[in-house]
Amino acid sequence: LSICIKTGTACILHGGIPKENFSLREVQAISPRVHSLMTTLVHASMAEEQLEQDILWSDPSTKNGINPSQCSRLWCCFSPDIARDFL
């Protein structure tokens, strides 16, 4: 499952930016061995699962910062200021 693809001109995340100060290096640092141990992206038991869950289920918002989603306690929302900081 590809949750993130980076090209020379774009970065495409399945859902969106998972947290403030997010770096693509965090995704690249997940080793194949750790990735193979992941059993769920719904009830994360390790930090790497939580990161992937947050990338998958984050949504854009107009409220500044990273905030809980009103749709589910498992999801988060990111604002334009977070997107600008990421870029």
Protein backbone atom coordinates (compact mmCIF):
# COMPACT_ATOMS: atom_id res chain seq x y z
CA LEU A 1 0.00 0.00 0.00
CA SER A 2 1.49 3.30 -1.05
CA ILE A 3 0.48 6.03 1.34
CA CYS A 4 2.86 8.60 -0.05
CA ILE A 5 4.43 9.25 -3.43
CA LYS A 6 6.98 11.98 -4.08
CA THR A 7 8.01 13.18 -7.52
CA GLY A 8 10.24 16.04 -8.58
CA THR A 9 7.31 18.45 -8.49
CA ALA A 10 4.68 16.94 -6.19
CA CYS A 11 4.03 15.03 -3.00
CA ILE A 12 0.83 13.00 -2.92
CA LEU A 13 -0.43 11.68 0.41
CA HIS A 14 -3.40 9.32 0.57
CA GLY A 15 -5.23 11.56 3.04
CA GLY A 16 -3.03 14.45 4.00
CA ILE A 17 -0.51 15.90 6.40
CA PRO A 18 -0.66 13.93 9.67
CA LYS A 19 0.93 16.36 12.13
CA GLU A 20 2.83 19.58 12.56
CA ASN A 21 6.49 19.47 11.50
CA PHE A 22 5.86 16.33 9.41
CA SER A 23 8.76 15.16 7.27
CA LEU A 24 8.74 12.60 4.47
CA ARG A 25 11.84 11.15 6.12
CA GLU A 26 9.55 9.75 8.81
CA VAL A 27 7.77 7.60 6.20
CA GLN A 28 11.05 6.63 4.53
CA ALA A 29 12.42 5.55 7.91
CA ILE A 30 9.81 2.80 8.31
CA SER A 31 11.76 -0.35 7.52
CA PRO A 32 10.23 -3.22 5.55
CA ARG A 33 10.54 -5.37 8.69
CA VAL A 34 8.56 -2.91 10.82
CA HIS A 35 6.05 -2.45 8.01
CA SER A 36 5.51 -6.22 7.88
CA LEU A 37 4.67 -6.21 11.61
CA MET A 38 1.83 -3.74 11.16
CA THR A 39 -1.47 -5.48 11.64
CA THR A 40 -3.95 -2.63 11.55
CA LEU A 41 -4.31 0.98 10.60
CA VAL A 42 -7.38 1.42 12.78
CA HIS A 43 -6.10 0.78 16.32
CA ALA A 44 -2.41 1.59 16.12
CA SER A 45 -0.12 -0.22 18.55
CA MET A 46 3.16 1.29 17.35
CA ALA A 47 4.25 4.80 16.39
CA GLU A 48 4.74 3.77 12.75
CA GLU A 49 1.16 2.47 12.55
CA GLN A 50 -0.08 5.72 14.05
CA LEU A 51 1.86 7.74 11.49
CA GLU A 52 0.41 5.75 8.58
CA GLN A 53 -3.07 5.91 10.07
CA ASP A 54 -2.81 9.68 10.39
CA ILE A 55 -1.59 10.03 6.78
CA LEU A 56 -4.43 7.84 5.51
CA TRP A 57 -7.25 9.55 7.36
CA SER A 58 -6.30 13.22 7.69
CA ASP A 59 -8.45 15.85 5.99
CA PRO A 60 -8.02 19.53 5.10
CA SER A 61 -9.65 22.13 7.34
CA THR A 62 -9.87 25.91 7.64
CA LYS A 63 -9.14 25.85 11.41
CA ASN A 64 -5.44 26.61 12.01
CA GLY A 65 -3.13 23.80 13.07
CA ILE A 66 -3.74 20.08 13.46
CA ASN A 67 -7.07 19.34 15.07
CA PRO A 68 -9.26 16.30 15.77
CA SER A 69 -11.75 15.49 13.04
CA GLN A 70 -15.44 15.90 13.77
CA CYS A 71 -16.03 12.71 11.73
CA SER A 72 -14.01 10.34 13.91
CA ARG A 73 -11.73 10.47 16.93
CA LEU A 74 -9.22 8.45 14.87
CA TRP A 75 -8.81 11.16 12.24
CA CYS A 76 -7.20 14.58 12.24
CA CYS A 77 -7.54 17.73 10.17
CA PHE A 78 -4.79 20.00 8.88
CA SER A 79 -5.03 23.64 7.85
CA PRO A 80 -3.50 25.72 5.06
CA ASP A 81 -0.79 26.97 7.45
CA ILE A 82 0.31 23.36 8.08
CA ALA A 83 0.33 22.70 4.33
CA ARG A 84 2.47 25.82 3.72
CA ASP A 85 4.92 24.78 6.44
CA PHE A 86 5.16 21.30 4.90
CA LEU A 87 5.91 22.70 1.46
